[in-house]
Amino acid sequence: MTLSGSRPAAGWRSVVAASLAVLFASVSQVNAQTTPPPPPAQTPPPAQEKPPAQPPAQEDPLKLKGDMPVIIINQIAADKTAEFEAAWAAIREKLAKSDKPELKTFGDSLGKMYRVAVPPDQSGGMAIYVFQVDQPSSTQSYHPVEILFKSGLFERADADMIFAKLKDAYKNIQAWPLAKIGS
């Protein structure tokens, strides 16, 4: 069978099918270029995230609790003993002259200070100082930085001068609570 006399009908069908395929392909391509992309799927807003929790502040091991006596061990560079002794003499003097009763009492608790009579070559190159605190303060820290900068005892310039003597002197500081044994 032929249409219009010159071509068989099967040939026309293939031409029409090919033409329609091209037409649909071009129409869909034009639509793809002119049609805006669909809006993104609605997602609920993210839950309000809590800021990461601050790590708990480390407890000051030199803010003593209770009424048990405590030994505070200060390991000091052997060549910095004069600076250490001068710094603590200034701290104790300022505490003794304080008009605040809690600081004066705190200073009284630092009344027993000793240097361990061991040569530095037998103590790892360090001088060891011991503070014997029989009635520890529960309101003040025995850490020198806390005393200098947070007790309100020193003006900043004075605290900085004393700290300059201590910062290179200290190698370690520890509090050892004492428990009475026997009667």
N, C-alpha and C. Protein backbone atom coordinates (compact mmCIF):
# COMPACT_ATOMS: atom_id res chain seq x y z
N MET A 1 0.82 -1.16 0.00
CA MET A 1 0.00 0.00 0.00
C MET A 1 0.87 1.23 0.00
N THR A 2 0.45 2.23 -0.68
CA THR A 2 1.22 3.45 -0.79
C THR A 2 0.33 4.63 -0.48
N LEU A 3 0.93 5.64 0.06
CA LEU A 3 0.24 6.90 0.29
C LEU A 3 0.78 7.90 -0.71
N SER A 4 -0.01 8.70 -1.18
CA SER A 4 0.38 9.72 -2.15
C SER A 4 1.09 9.10 -3.33
N GLY A 5 0.95 7.90 -3.51
CA GLY A 5 1.40 7.26 -4.70
C GLY A 5 2.84 6.88 -4.77
N SER A 6 3.78 7.48 -4.15
CA SER A 6 5.17 7.18 -4.42
C SER A 6 5.84 6.34 -3.33
N ARG A 7 5.45 6.40 -2.15
CA ARG A 7 6.13 5.65 -1.09
C ARG A 7 5.16 4.63 -0.49
N PRO A 8 5.71 3.53 -0.04
CA PRO A 8 4.83 2.58 0.62
C PRO A 8 4.40 3.10 1.99
N ALA A 9 3.27 2.64 2.51
CA ALA A 9 2.73 3.11 3.77
C ALA A 9 3.66 2.79 4.93
N ALA A 10 4.35 1.68 4.94
CA ALA A 10 5.26 1.32 6.01
C ALA A 10 6.38 2.34 6.11
N GLY A 11 6.84 2.85 4.99
CA GLY A 11 7.89 3.86 5.01
C GLY A 11 7.43 5.15 5.64
N TRP A 12 6.17 5.52 5.31
CA TRP A 12 5.63 6.73 5.90
C TRP A 12 5.45 6.56 7.41
N ARG A 13 5.06 5.41 7.79
CA ARG A 13 4.89 5.17 9.22
C ARG A 13 6.21 5.34 9.97
N SER A 14 7.27 4.83 9.40
CA SER A 14 8.57 4.97 10.06
C SER A 14 9.01 6.41 10.09
N VAL A 15 8.73 7.18 9.02
CA VAL A 15 9.10 8.59 8.98
C VAL A 15 8.28 9.36 10.03
N VAL A 16 6.99 9.07 10.13
CA VAL A 16 6.14 9.74 11.09
C VAL A 16 6.58 9.39 12.51
N ALA A 17 6.86 8.11 12.75
CA ALA A 17 7.29 7.70 14.08
C ALA A 17 8.61 8.37 14.46
N ALA A 18 9.54 8.44 13.53
CA ALA A 18 10.82 9.09 13.80
C ALA A 18 10.62 10.57 14.05
N SER A 19 9.73 11.18 13.25
CA SER A 19 9.48 12.62 13.41
C SER A 19 8.84 12.89 14.78
N LEU A 20 7.89 12.06 15.17
CA LEU A 20 7.27 12.24 16.47
C LEU A 20 8.27 12.04 17.60
N ALA A 21 9.15 11.08 17.45
CA ALA A 21 10.17 10.84 18.48
C ALA A 21 11.07 12.06 18.63
N VAL A 22 11.49 12.62 17.50
CA VAL A 22 12.34 13.81 17.52
C VAL A 22 11.55 14.97 18.14
N LEU A 23 10.28 15.10 17.75
CA LEU A 23 9.46 16.18 18.28
C LEU A 23 9.31 16.06 19.80
N PHE A 24 8.98 14.87 20.28
CA PHE A 24 8.82 14.69 21.73
C PHE A 24 10.14 14.90 22.47
N ALA A 25 11.22 14.46 21.87
CA ALA A 25 12.53 14.64 22.51
C ALA A 25 12.87 16.11 22.61
N SER A 26 12.62 16.87 21.55
CA SER A 26 12.96 18.30 21.57
C SER A 26 12.03 19.06 22.51
N VAL A 27 10.74 18.69 22.56
CA VAL A 27 9.81 19.35 23.46
C VAL A 27 10.21 19.09 24.91
N SER A 28 10.55 17.86 25.22
CA SER A 28 10.92 17.57 26.61
C SER A 28 12.23 18.26 26.99
N GLN A 29 13.14 18.40 26.01
CA GLN A 29 14.40 19.10 26.31
C GLN A 29 14.14 20.58 26.54
N VAL A 30 13.25 21.17 25.75
CA VAL A 30 12.90 22.58 25.93
C VAL A 30 12.23 22.76 27.29
N ASN A 31 11.33 21.87 27.64
CA ASN A 31 10.66 21.96 28.94
C ASN A 31 11.67 21.82 30.07
N ALA A 32 12.64 20.96 29.91
CA ALA A 32 13.65 20.77 30.95
C ALA A 32 14.46 22.04 31.14
N GLN A 33 14.71 22.80 30.05
CA GLN A 33 15.52 24.01 30.15
C GLN A 33 14.72 25.18 30.72
N THR A 34 13.42 25.22 30.45
CA THR A 34 12.65 26.37 30.88
C THR A 34 11.89 26.14 32.17
N THR A 35 11.66 24.93 32.53
CA THR A 35 10.91 24.64 33.75
C THR A 35 11.84 24.76 34.94
N PRO A 36 11.47 25.56 35.93
CA PRO A 36 12.34 25.66 37.10
C PRO A 36 12.37 24.30 37.83
N PRO A 37 13.45 24.06 38.48
CA PRO A 37 13.53 22.78 39.19
C PRO A 37 12.48 22.75 40.30
N PRO A 38 11.99 21.59 40.62
CA PRO A 38 10.98 21.51 41.66
C PRO A 38 11.59 21.95 43.00
N PRO A 39 10.77 22.53 43.87
CA PRO A 39 11.31 22.95 45.17
C PRO A 39 11.79 21.71 45.94
N PRO A 40 12.80 21.90 46.76
CA PRO A 40 13.28 20.75 47.52
C PRO A 40 12.18 20.28 48.47
N ALA A 41 12.25 19.04 48.75
CA ALA A 41 11.26 18.47 49.66
C ALA A 41 11.35 19.20 50.99
N GLN A 42 10.22 19.49 51.56
CA GLN A 42 10.20 20.19 52.84
C GLN A 42 10.75 19.27 53.93
N THR A 43 11.77 19.74 54.57
CA THR A 43 12.31 18.99 55.71
C THR A 43 12.12 19.86 56.93
N PRO A 44 11.80 19.25 58.01
CA PRO A 44 11.63 20.06 59.22
C PRO A 44 12.95 20.72 59.59
N PRO A 45 12.90 21.92 60.14
CA PRO A 45 14.16 22.56 60.54
C PRO A 45 14.86 21.68 61.56
N PRO A 46 16.19 21.70 61.50
CA PRO A 46 16.91 20.85 62.46
C PRO A 46 16.58 21.27 63.89
N ALA A 47 16.56 20.30 64.74
CA ALA A 47 16.30 20.60 66.15
C ALA A 47 17.38 21.55 66.64
N GLN A 48 16.97 22.47 67.45
CA GLN A 48 17.94 23.43 67.99
C GLN A 48 18.99 22.67 68.77
N GLU A 49 20.20 22.69 68.25
CA GLU A 49 21.25 21.95 68.92
C GLU A 49 21.74 22.74 70.11
N LYS A 50 21.95 22.04 71.17
CA LYS A 50 22.48 22.68 72.37
C LYS A 50 23.98 22.86 72.18
N PRO A 51 24.52 23.97 72.66
CA PRO A 51 25.97 24.11 72.56
C PRO A 51 26.62 23.00 73.37
N PRO A 52 27.81 22.58 72.94
CA PRO A 52 28.45 21.51 73.69
C PRO A 52 28.63 21.92 75.15
N ALA A 53 28.39 20.99 75.99
CA ALA A 53 28.50 21.27 77.43
C ALA A 53 29.94 21.60 77.78
N GLN A 54 30.09 22.60 78.60
CA GLN A 54 31.43 22.96 79.06
C GLN A 54 31.93 21.83 79.94
N PRO A 55 33.18 21.46 79.77
CA PRO A 55 33.68 20.43 80.68
C PRO A 55 33.62 20.98 82.10
N PRO A 56 33.33 20.14 83.03
CA PRO A 56 33.25 20.65 84.40
C PRO A 56 34.59 21.26 84.81
N ALA A 57 34.48 22.38 85.47
CA ALA A 57 35.71 23.03 85.93
C ALA A 57 36.43 22.08 86.87
N GLN A 58 37.72 21.98 86.64
CA GLN A 58 38.48 21.09 87.50
C GLN A 58 38.52 21.68 88.90
N GLU A 59 38.32 20.81 89.83
CA GLU A 59 38.33 21.24 91.21
C GLU A 59 39.77 21.61 91.60
N ASP A 60 39.90 22.71 92.30
CA ASP A 60 41.20 23.17 92.74
C ASP A 60 41.69 22.25 93.86
N PRO A 61 42.74 21.45 93.61
CA PRO A 61 43.21 20.53 94.65
C PRO A 61 43.82 21.24 95.85
N LEU A 62 44.05 22.53 95.72
CA LEU A 62 44.63 23.28 96.84
C LEU A 62 43.59 24.16 97.55
N LYS A 63 42.33 23.96 97.21
CA LYS A 63 41.26 24.56 98.00
C LYS A 63 40.79 23.43 98.91
N LEU A 64 41.22 23.49 100.14
CA LEU A 64 41.09 22.37 101.05
C LEU A 64 39.71 22.36 101.71
N LYS A 65 39.22 21.15 101.89
CA LYS A 65 37.92 20.98 102.54
C LYS A 65 38.12 20.16 103.79
N GLY A 66 37.30 20.41 104.74
CA GLY A 66 37.39 19.65 105.98
C GLY A 66 38.34 20.30 106.96
N ASP A 67 38.50 19.63 108.08
CA ASP A 67 39.35 20.19 109.12
C ASP A 67 40.56 19.31 109.42
N MET A 68 40.85 18.37 108.52
CA MET A 68 42.04 17.54 108.71
C MET A 68 43.28 18.35 108.35
N PRO A 69 44.36 18.14 109.08
CA PRO A 69 45.60 18.82 108.72
C PRO A 69 46.08 18.36 107.34
N VAL A 70 46.83 19.23 106.69
CA VAL A 70 47.32 18.97 105.34
C VAL A 70 48.78 19.38 105.25
N ILE A 71 49.53 18.60 104.50
CA ILE A 71 50.91 18.97 104.16
C ILE A 71 50.89 19.38 102.69
N ILE A 72 51.41 20.56 102.39
CA ILE A 72 51.50 21.01 101.00
C ILE A 72 52.97 20.90 100.59
N ILE A 73 53.21 20.08 99.59
CA ILE A 73 54.57 19.82 99.11
C ILE A 73 54.84 20.73 97.90
N ASN A 74 55.89 21.52 97.98
CA ASN A 74 56.30 22.42 96.90
C ASN A 74 57.65 21.95 96.38
N GLN A 75 57.69 21.49 95.13
CA GLN A 75 58.97 21.11 94.52
C GLN A 75 59.44 22.29 93.69
N ILE A 76 60.61 22.79 94.04
CA ILE A 76 61.12 24.04 93.49
C ILE A 76 62.47 23.79 92.80
N ALA A 77 62.68 24.43 91.67
CA ALA A 77 63.97 24.34 90.98
C ALA A 77 65.07 24.76 91.95
N ALA A 78 66.12 23.98 92.02
CA ALA A 78 67.19 24.22 93.00
C ALA A 78 67.81 25.62 92.87
N ASP A 79 67.85 26.14 91.65
CA ASP A 79 68.46 27.47 91.46
C ASP A 79 67.46 28.61 91.65
N LYS A 80 66.23 28.30 92.04
CA LYS A 80 65.20 29.34 92.22
C LYS A 80 64.69 29.42 93.66
N THR A 81 65.43 28.87 94.60
CA THR A 81 64.96 28.85 95.99
C THR A 81 64.87 30.26 96.58
N ALA A 82 65.80 31.13 96.25
CA ALA A 82 65.76 32.49 96.79
C ALA A 82 64.51 33.23 96.31
N GLU A 83 64.15 33.05 95.02
CA GLU A 83 62.96 33.69 94.49
C GLU A 83 61.69 33.14 95.17
N PHE A 84 61.66 31.81 95.35
CA PHE A 84 60.53 31.18 96.00
C PHE A 84 60.36 31.71 97.43
N GLU A 85 61.45 31.74 98.18
CA GLU A 85 61.37 32.19 99.57
C GLU A 85 60.97 33.67 99.65
N ALA A 86 61.50 34.49 98.74
CA ALA A 86 61.14 35.92 98.74
C ALA A 86 59.66 36.11 98.37
N ALA A 87 59.18 35.36 97.42
CA ALA A 87 57.78 35.48 96.99
C ALA A 87 56.84 35.09 98.13
N TRP A 88 57.12 33.96 98.79
CA TRP A 88 56.24 33.54 99.87
C TRP A 88 56.37 34.45 101.10
N ALA A 89 57.53 35.04 101.31
CA ALA A 89 57.65 36.01 102.40
C ALA A 89 56.74 37.22 102.13
N ALA A 90 56.70 37.67 100.87
CA ALA A 90 55.83 38.80 100.51
C ALA A 90 54.35 38.43 100.64
N ILE A 91 54.00 37.20 100.23
CA ILE A 91 52.61 36.76 100.35
C ILE A 91 52.19 36.69 101.81
N ARG A 92 53.03 36.08 102.63
CA ARG A 92 52.69 35.93 104.06
C ARG A 92 52.62 37.29 104.76
N GLU A 93 53.52 38.20 104.39
CA GLU A 93 53.50 39.54 104.99
C GLU A 93 52.20 40.27 104.64
N LYS A 94 51.79 40.18 103.39
CA LYS A 94 50.56 40.84 102.95
C LYS A 94 49.34 40.21 103.64
N LEU A 95 49.34 38.88 103.80
CA LEU A 95 48.25 38.22 104.49
C LEU A 95 48.17 38.67 105.96
N ALA A 96 49.33 38.79 106.60
CA ALA A 96 49.36 39.19 108.01
C ALA A 96 48.84 40.61 108.21
N LYS A 97 49.04 41.47 107.22
CA LYS A 97 48.61 42.87 107.32
C LYS A 97 47.20 43.11 106.79
N SER A 98 46.55 42.07 106.31
CA SER A 98 45.22 42.23 105.72
C SER A 98 44.21 42.70 106.76
N ASP A 99 43.29 43.55 106.32
CA ASP A 99 42.22 43.99 107.21
C ASP A 99 40.99 43.09 107.09
N LYS A 100 41.06 42.10 106.22
CA LYS A 100 39.97 41.13 106.08
C LYS A 100 40.25 39.94 107.00
N PRO A 101 39.38 39.68 107.94
CA PRO A 101 39.63 38.60 108.90
C PRO A 101 39.87 37.23 108.26
N GLU A 102 39.12 36.92 107.17
CA GLU A 102 39.30 35.61 106.55
C GLU A 102 40.68 35.45 105.91
N LEU A 103 41.24 36.56 105.38
CA LEU A 103 42.58 36.49 104.80
C LEU A 103 43.64 36.44 105.90
N LYS A 104 43.42 37.16 106.98
CA LYS A 104 44.35 37.12 108.10
C LYS A 104 44.40 35.70 108.70
N THR A 105 43.24 35.07 108.86
CA THR A 105 43.18 33.69 109.37
C THR A 105 43.84 32.73 108.39
N PHE A 106 43.60 32.97 107.11
CA PHE A 106 44.24 32.17 106.08
C PHE A 106 45.76 32.28 106.18
N GLY A 107 46.26 33.48 106.35
CA GLY A 107 47.71 33.69 106.50
C GLY A 107 48.25 33.00 107.73
N ASP A 108 47.49 33.01 108.82
CA ASP A 108 47.91 32.32 110.04
C ASP A 108 48.05 30.82 109.80
N SER A 109 47.20 30.26 108.92
CA SER A 109 47.29 28.82 108.65
C SER A 109 48.57 28.44 107.92
N LEU A 110 49.23 29.43 107.33
CA LEU A 110 50.50 29.18 106.64
C LEU A 110 51.70 29.46 107.54
N GLY A 111 51.53 29.35 108.82
CA GLY A 111 52.59 29.69 109.77
C GLY A 111 53.75 28.71 109.82
N LYS A 112 53.53 27.48 109.40
CA LYS A 112 54.60 26.48 109.49
C LYS A 112 55.08 26.11 108.09
N MET A 113 56.22 26.69 107.73
CA MET A 113 56.82 26.42 106.42
C MET A 113 58.23 25.89 106.66
N TYR A 114 58.56 24.81 105.96
CA TYR A 114 59.86 24.17 106.15
C TYR A 114 60.51 23.87 104.81
N ARG A 115 61.83 23.85 104.83
CA ARG A 115 62.58 23.35 103.68
C ARG A 115 63.12 21.99 104.08
N VAL A 116 62.91 20.99 103.24
CA VAL A 116 63.40 19.64 103.52
C VAL A 116 64.92 19.66 103.40
N ALA A 117 65.58 19.13 104.41
CA ALA A 117 67.04 19.17 104.49
C ALA A 117 67.66 18.01 103.70
N VAL A 118 67.37 17.97 102.41
CA VAL A 118 67.96 16.98 101.52
C VAL A 118 68.64 17.76 100.40
N PRO A 119 69.89 17.44 100.10
CA PRO A 119 70.57 18.16 99.01
C PRO A 119 69.85 17.93 97.67
N PRO A 120 69.85 18.95 96.80
CA PRO A 120 69.18 18.82 95.51
C PRO A 120 69.62 17.61 94.69
N ASP A 121 70.88 17.19 94.83
CA ASP A 121 71.33 16.03 94.06
C ASP A 121 70.64 14.74 94.53
N GLN A 122 70.08 14.75 95.73
CA GLN A 122 69.35 13.59 96.24
C GLN A 122 67.83 13.73 96.06
N SER A 123 67.40 14.88 95.58
CA SER A 123 65.96 15.10 95.40
C SER A 123 65.62 15.44 93.95
N GLY A 124 66.41 14.88 93.04
CA GLY A 124 66.13 15.10 91.61
C GLY A 124 66.40 16.51 91.14
N GLY A 125 67.32 17.21 91.76
CA GLY A 125 67.65 18.58 91.35
C GLY A 125 66.67 19.62 91.82
N MET A 126 65.83 19.26 92.79
CA MET A 126 64.83 20.20 93.29
C MET A 126 65.00 20.41 94.78
N ALA A 127 64.60 21.58 95.21
CA ALA A 127 64.47 21.86 96.63
C ALA A 127 63.02 21.59 96.99
N ILE A 128 62.80 21.03 98.15
CA ILE A 128 61.45 20.68 98.56
C ILE A 128 61.08 21.50 99.79
N TYR A 129 59.95 22.20 99.68
CA TYR A 129 59.42 23.00 100.77
C TYR A 129 58.09 22.39 101.19
N VAL A 130 57.86 22.38 102.50
CA VAL A 130 56.63 21.80 103.05
C VAL A 130 55.92 22.88 103.86
N PHE A 131 54.62 23.03 103.56
CA PHE A 131 53.76 23.90 104.36
C PHE A 131 52.91 22.97 105.20
N GLN A 132 53.01 23.09 106.51
CA GLN A 132 52.18 22.30 107.41
C GLN A 132 50.97 23.15 107.78
N VAL A 133 49.80 22.72 107.35
CA VAL A 133 48.57 23.47 107.57
C VAL A 133 47.71 22.66 108.54
N ASP A 134 47.72 23.08 109.81
CA ASP A 134 46.99 22.33 110.83
C ASP A 134 45.49 22.63 110.79
N GLN A 135 45.13 23.86 110.55
CA GLN A 135 43.72 24.29 110.46
C GLN A 135 43.50 24.90 109.08
N PRO A 136 43.26 24.08 108.05
CA PRO A 136 43.16 24.62 106.70
C PRO A 136 41.93 25.51 106.51
N SER A 137 42.10 26.52 105.69
CA SER A 137 40.99 27.38 105.31
C SER A 137 40.13 26.65 104.30
N SER A 138 38.84 26.73 104.45
CA SER A 138 37.95 26.11 103.47
C SER A 138 37.41 27.15 102.48
N THR A 139 37.80 28.41 102.66
CA THR A 139 37.31 29.47 101.76
C THR A 139 38.36 29.95 100.78
N GLN A 140 39.63 29.73 101.08
CA GLN A 140 40.71 30.22 100.23
C GLN A 140 41.52 29.06 99.68
N SER A 141 42.03 29.24 98.47
CA SER A 141 42.91 28.24 97.87
C SER A 141 44.34 28.51 98.31
N TYR A 142 45.10 27.44 98.49
CA TYR A 142 46.50 27.57 98.85
C TYR A 142 47.39 27.63 97.60
N HIS A 143 46.78 27.69 96.44
CA HIS A 143 47.55 27.80 95.20
C HIS A 143 48.06 29.23 95.08
N PRO A 144 49.36 29.41 94.84
CA PRO A 144 49.89 30.78 94.82
C PRO A 144 49.24 31.69 93.77
N VAL A 145 48.86 31.16 92.62
CA VAL A 145 48.22 31.99 91.59
C VAL A 145 46.87 32.49 92.10
N GLU A 146 46.13 31.61 92.76
CA GLU A 146 44.83 32.02 93.32
C GLU A 146 45.01 33.10 94.39
N ILE A 147 46.02 32.93 95.22
CA ILE A 147 46.27 33.92 96.28
C ILE A 147 46.64 35.26 95.66
N LEU A 148 47.51 35.23 94.67
CA LEU A 148 48.01 36.47 94.07
C LEU A 148 46.93 37.21 93.27
N PHE A 149 46.16 36.47 92.48
CA PHE A 149 45.29 37.13 91.51
C PHE A 149 43.80 37.10 91.84
N LYS A 150 43.37 36.22 92.74
CA LYS A 150 41.94 36.11 92.97
C LYS A 150 41.50 36.39 94.41
N SER A 151 42.43 36.53 95.30
CA SER A 151 42.04 36.74 96.71
C SER A 151 41.65 38.19 96.99
N GLY A 152 42.03 39.10 96.09
CA GLY A 152 41.76 40.51 96.32
C GLY A 152 42.80 41.16 97.22
N LEU A 153 43.84 40.42 97.54
CA LEU A 153 44.87 40.89 98.47
C LEU A 153 45.88 41.81 97.79
N PHE A 154 46.18 41.54 96.52
CA PHE A 154 47.24 42.26 95.82
C PHE A 154 46.70 43.11 94.68
N GLU A 155 47.36 44.24 94.48
CA GLU A 155 47.14 45.02 93.26
C GLU A 155 47.77 44.21 92.12
N ARG A 156 47.27 44.39 90.92
CA ARG A 156 47.74 43.58 89.79
C ARG A 156 49.25 43.70 89.58
N ALA A 157 49.79 44.89 89.65
CA ALA A 157 51.23 45.08 89.42
C ALA A 157 52.06 44.31 90.46
N ASP A 158 51.63 44.36 91.73
CA ASP A 158 52.35 43.64 92.78
C ASP A 158 52.23 42.13 92.57
N ALA A 159 51.04 41.68 92.21
CA ALA A 159 50.83 40.25 91.95
C ALA A 159 51.71 39.78 90.79
N ASP A 160 51.81 40.59 89.74
CA ASP A 160 52.65 40.23 88.59
C ASP A 160 54.12 40.11 88.98
N MET A 161 54.59 41.03 89.85
CA MET A 161 56.00 40.98 90.28
C MET A 161 56.28 39.70 91.06
N ILE A 162 55.39 39.36 91.97
CA ILE A 162 55.60 38.15 92.78
C ILE A 162 55.47 36.91 91.91
N PHE A 163 54.48 36.91 91.01
CA PHE A 163 54.30 35.77 90.11
C PHE A 163 55.55 35.54 89.25
N ALA A 164 56.19 36.62 88.82
CA ALA A 164 57.40 36.50 88.01
C ALA A 164 58.48 35.72 88.76
N LYS A 165 58.52 35.86 90.08
CA LYS A 165 59.50 35.11 90.88
C LYS A 165 59.13 33.64 90.97
N LEU A 166 57.83 33.36 91.02
CA LEU A 166 57.37 31.99 91.25
C LEU A 166 57.24 31.14 89.98
N LYS A 167 56.93 31.76 88.85
CA LYS A 167 56.55 30.98 87.66
C LYS A 167 57.64 30.03 87.19
N ASP A 168 58.89 30.41 87.29
CA ASP A 168 59.96 29.51 86.88
C ASP A 168 60.49 28.67 88.03
N ALA A 169 60.08 28.99 89.24
CA ALA A 169 60.57 28.27 90.41
C ALA A 169 59.81 26.95 90.61
N TYR A 170 58.51 26.97 90.43
CA TYR A 170 57.69 25.78 90.71
C TYR A 170 57.90 24.69 89.68
N LYS A 171 58.09 23.49 90.17
CA LYS A 171 58.11 22.29 89.34
C LYS A 171 56.86 21.45 89.62
N ASN A 172 56.38 21.50 90.86
CA ASN A 172 55.18 20.76 91.23
C ASN A 172 54.69 21.25 92.59
N ILE A 173 53.40 21.11 92.79
CA ILE A 173 52.81 21.43 94.09
C ILE A 173 51.67 20.43 94.32
N GLN A 174 51.63 19.87 95.54
CA GLN A 174 50.62 18.87 95.89
C GLN A 174 50.18 19.07 97.32
N ALA A 175 48.91 18.73 97.55
CA ALA A 175 48.39 18.76 98.92
C ALA A 175 48.19 17.31 99.38
N TRP A 176 48.71 17.01 100.56
CA TRP A 176 48.56 15.68 101.12
C TRP A 176 47.76 15.80 102.42
N PRO A 177 46.50 15.41 102.40
CA PRO A 177 45.72 15.43 103.65
C PRO A 177 46.25 14.38 104.60
N LEU A 178 46.24 14.70 105.87
CA LEU A 178 46.74 13.78 106.90
C LEU A 178 45.57 13.23 107.69
N ALA A 179 45.59 11.95 107.93
CA ALA A 179 44.58 11.31 108.75
C ALA A 179 45.24 10.83 110.04
N LYS A 180 44.66 11.21 111.14
CA LYS A 180 45.20 10.82 112.44
C LYS A 180 44.98 9.32 112.65
N ILE A 181 46.01 8.69 113.19
CA ILE A 181 45.88 7.28 113.52
C ILE A 181 46.11 7.12 115.02
N GLY A 182 45.49 6.16 115.57
CA GLY A 182 45.64 5.96 117.02
C GLY A 182 44.84 7.00 117.78
N SER A 183 45.16 7.09 119.09
CA SER A 183 44.40 8.03 119.92
C SER A 183 45.14 9.26 120.26
